[in-house]
Amino acid sequence: MPLKKDYKFSDRLISLSQIAFALSHPARIEIIEFLLENGKSSYSDLIDLIPLSTSSISQHLRALEKVCLIQNVDLDNASIGYKLHDKGFSEAWEEIGKLIKIAA
C-alpha cells in the first residue's frame, strides 16, 4: 500500500498548507473579511452576502471550521451564527506572518 506523501513533512507545514487551502477560495476570504469587520454573523447574513447556493456556502463554512479559522456561536435569536475562532485564527495568522517574513 503506498504511503501518503505528506508523511515526510512536519505537522506545522501540513497545518499551514491546510490553512492556505482553506483560504484559497474567494468566498472563504469574503467570509473571513466579513467576520473581521462584524465580529459575528448569522448564517442568513452570510447567505445574503455570498452569491452562491446555500449548500456551497455550508461547504465553505465547514472548510473554515475544519482548520479552526471560524467557529459556531449561538446568537440572541436562538439561531446559529459564526465568528472567528479566537485561538485558531490568531495562531494561523501568526504562522502565515512567519511565512511572509521568510519570503520578504
C-alpha atoms as a PDB file:
ATOM      1  CA  MET A   1       0.000   0.000   0.000  1.00  0.00           C
ATOM      2  CA  PRO A   2       1.540   3.364  -0.978  1.00  0.00           C
ATOM      3  CA  LEU A   3       2.204   5.919   1.737  1.00  0.00           C
ATOM      4  CA  LYS A   4       0.802   9.405   1.624  1.00  0.00           C
ATOM      5  CA  LYS A   5       3.422  11.928   0.556  1.00  0.00           C
ATOM      6  CA  ASP A   6       2.726  14.310   3.449  1.00  0.00           C
ATOM      7  CA  TYR A   7       4.314  11.909   5.945  1.00  0.00           C
ATOM      8  CA  LYS A   8       7.652  13.496   5.060  1.00  0.00           C
ATOM      9  CA  PHE A   9       6.590  16.942   6.282  1.00  0.00           C
ATOM     10  CA  SER A  10       6.288  18.370   9.771  1.00  0.00           C
ATOM     11  CA  ASP A  11       2.907  18.823  11.423  1.00  0.00           C
ATOM     12  CA  ARG A  12       3.452  22.612  11.240  1.00  0.00           C
ATOM     13  CA  LEU A  13       3.917  22.538   7.457  1.00  0.00           C
ATOM     14  CA  ILE A  14       0.924  20.274   6.949  1.00  0.00           C
ATOM     15  CA  SER A  15      -1.212  22.549   9.135  1.00  0.00           C
ATOM     16  CA  LEU A  16      -0.038  25.651   7.282  1.00  0.00           C
ATOM     17  CA  SER A  17      -0.842  24.058   3.921  1.00  0.00           C
ATOM     18  CA  GLN A  18      -4.342  23.149   5.162  1.00  0.00           C
ATOM     19  CA  ILE A  19      -4.908  26.755   6.257  1.00  0.00           C
ATOM     20  CA  ALA A  20      -3.669  28.033   2.901  1.00  0.00           C
ATOM     21  CA  PHE A  21      -6.029  25.640   1.129  1.00  0.00           C
ATOM     22  CA  ALA A  22      -8.942  26.803   3.292  1.00  0.00           C
ATOM     23  CA  LEU A  23      -8.184  30.388   2.277  1.00  0.00           C
ATOM     24  CA  SER A  24      -7.840  29.550  -1.408  1.00  0.00           C
ATOM     25  CA  HIS A  25     -11.406  30.421  -2.406  1.00  0.00           C
ATOM     26  CA  PRO A  26     -12.798  33.962  -2.711  1.00  0.00           C
ATOM     27  CA  ALA A  27     -15.996  33.044  -0.825  1.00  0.00           C
ATOM     28  CA  ARG A  28     -13.963  31.875   2.172  1.00  0.00           C
ATOM     29  CA  ILE A  29     -11.885  35.031   2.148  1.00  0.00           C
ATOM     30  CA  GLU A  30     -15.091  37.065   1.976  1.00  0.00           C
ATOM     31  CA  ILE A  31     -16.449  35.194   4.998  1.00  0.00           C
ATOM     32  CA  ILE A  32     -13.246  35.898   6.953  1.00  0.00           C
ATOM     33  CA  GLU A  33     -13.286  39.589   5.983  1.00  0.00           C
ATOM     34  CA  PHE A  34     -16.952  39.908   6.927  1.00  0.00           C
ATOM     35  CA  LEU A  35     -16.338  38.308  10.321  1.00  0.00           C
ATOM     36  CA  LEU A  36     -13.289  40.524  10.898  1.00  0.00           C
ATOM     37  CA  GLU A  37     -15.453  43.599  10.298  1.00  0.00           C
ATOM     38  CA  ASN A  38     -18.598  42.443  12.121  1.00  0.00           C
ATOM     39  CA  GLY A  39     -17.408  40.149  14.904  1.00  0.00           C
ATOM     40  CA  LYS A  40     -20.053  37.537  14.292  1.00  0.00           C
ATOM     41  CA  SER A  41     -22.705  36.799  11.724  1.00  0.00           C
ATOM     42  CA  SER A  42     -25.818  34.747  11.278  1.00  0.00           C
ATOM     43  CA  TYR A  43     -25.930  32.082   8.611  1.00  0.00           C
ATOM     44  CA  SER A  44     -28.671  34.030   6.824  1.00  0.00           C
ATOM     45  CA  ASP A  45     -26.435  37.131   6.662  1.00  0.00           C
ATOM     46  CA  LEU A  46     -23.729  35.045   5.007  1.00  0.00           C
ATOM     47  CA  ILE A  47     -26.265  33.674   2.530  1.00  0.00           C
ATOM     48  CA  ASP A  48     -27.229  37.253   1.625  1.00  0.00           C
ATOM     49  CA  LEU A  49     -23.568  38.252   1.322  1.00  0.00           C
ATOM     50  CA  ILE A  50     -22.192  35.446  -0.839  1.00  0.00           C
ATOM     51  CA  PRO A  51     -23.637  34.850  -4.315  1.00  0.00           C
ATOM     52  CA  LEU A  52     -23.561  31.051  -4.107  1.00  0.00           C
ATOM     53  CA  SER A  53     -26.042  28.315  -3.243  1.00  0.00           C
ATOM     54  CA  THR A  54     -26.699  27.576   0.413  1.00  0.00           C
ATOM     55  CA  SER A  55     -25.088  24.155   0.080  1.00  0.00           C
ATOM     56  CA  SER A  56     -21.911  25.742  -1.339  1.00  0.00           C
ATOM     57  CA  ILE A  57     -21.829  28.279   1.486  1.00  0.00           C
ATOM     58  CA  SER A  58     -22.224  25.463   4.008  1.00  0.00           C
ATOM     59  CA  GLN A  59     -19.277  23.633   2.435  1.00  0.00           C
ATOM     60  CA  HIS A  60     -17.131  26.776   2.634  1.00  0.00           C
ATOM     61  CA  LEU A  61     -18.054  27.268   6.290  1.00  0.00           C
ATOM     62  CA  ARG A  62     -17.136  23.641   7.044  1.00  0.00           C
ATOM     63  CA  ALA A  63     -13.759  24.102   5.324  1.00  0.00           C
ATOM     64  CA  LEU A  64     -13.010  27.126   7.527  1.00  0.00           C
ATOM     65  CA  GLU A  65     -14.232  25.331  10.647  1.00  0.00           C
ATOM     66  CA  LYS A  66     -12.101  22.279   9.886  1.00  0.00           C
ATOM     67  CA  VAL A  67      -8.888  24.313  10.225  1.00  0.00           C
ATOM     68  CA  CYS A  68     -10.232  26.271  13.237  1.00  0.00           C
ATOM     69  CA  LEU A  69     -10.459  29.650  11.493  1.00  0.00           C
ATOM     70  CA  ILE A  70     -14.132  30.081  12.436  1.00  0.00           C
ATOM     71  CA  GLN A  71     -16.498  28.560  14.957  1.00  0.00           C
ATOM     72  CA  ASN A  72     -20.240  28.281  15.628  1.00  0.00           C
ATOM     73  CA  VAL A  73     -21.869  30.648  18.086  1.00  0.00           C
ATOM     74  CA  ASP A  74     -25.382  30.861  19.462  1.00  0.00           C
ATOM     75  CA  LEU A  75     -26.976  34.177  18.577  1.00  0.00           C
ATOM     76  CA  ASP A  76     -29.516  36.075  20.671  1.00  0.00           C
ATOM     77  CA  ASN A  77     -32.436  34.989  18.496  1.00  0.00           C
ATOM     78  CA  ALA A  78     -31.642  31.292  19.117  1.00  0.00           C
ATOM     79  CA  SER A  79     -30.129  30.833  15.678  1.00  0.00           C
ATOM     80  CA  ILE A  80     -26.678  29.579  14.815  1.00  0.00           C
ATOM     81  CA  GLY A  81     -24.042  32.056  13.757  1.00  0.00           C
ATOM     82  CA  TYR A  82     -20.325  32.177  13.119  1.00  0.00           C
ATOM     83  CA  LYS A  83     -17.362  34.108  14.431  1.00  0.00           C
ATOM     84  CA  LEU A  84     -13.622  33.903  14.085  1.00  0.00           C
ATOM     85  CA  HIS A  85     -12.097  31.168  16.205  1.00  0.00           C
ATOM     86  CA  ASP A  86     -10.113  33.219  18.713  1.00  0.00           C
ATOM     87  CA  LYS A  87      -7.162  30.914  19.268  1.00  0.00           C
ATOM     88  CA  GLY A  88      -7.207  29.124  15.912  1.00  0.00           C
ATOM     89  CA  PHE A  89      -7.392  32.305  13.843  1.00  0.00           C
ATOM     90  CA  SER A  90      -4.638  34.016  15.866  1.00  0.00           C
ATOM     91  CA  GLU A  91      -2.315  31.025  15.558  1.00  0.00           C
ATOM     92  CA  ALA A  92      -3.000  30.683  11.823  1.00  0.00           C
ATOM     93  CA  TRP A  93      -2.347  34.382  11.260  1.00  0.00           C
ATOM     94  CA  GLU A  94       0.908  34.141  13.211  1.00  0.00           C
ATOM     95  CA  GLU A  95       2.109  31.209  11.078  1.00  0.00           C
ATOM     96  CA  ILE A  96       1.146  32.990   7.856  1.00  0.00           C
ATOM     97  CA  GLY A  97       3.019  36.068   9.107  1.00  0.00           C
ATOM     98  CA  LYS A  98       6.163  33.996   9.685  1.00  0.00           C
ATOM     99  CA  LEU A  99       5.922  32.603   6.176  1.00  0.00           C
ATOM    100  CA  ILE A 100       5.536  36.069   4.671  1.00  0.00           C
ATOM    101  CA  LYS A 101       8.558  37.333   6.656  1.00  0.00           C
ATOM    102  CA  ILE A 102      10.653  34.483   5.296  1.00  0.00           C
ATOM    103  CA  ALA A 103       9.528  35.268   1.742  1.00  0.00           C
ATOM    104  CA  ALA A 104      10.216  39.002   2.044  1.00  0.00           C
END
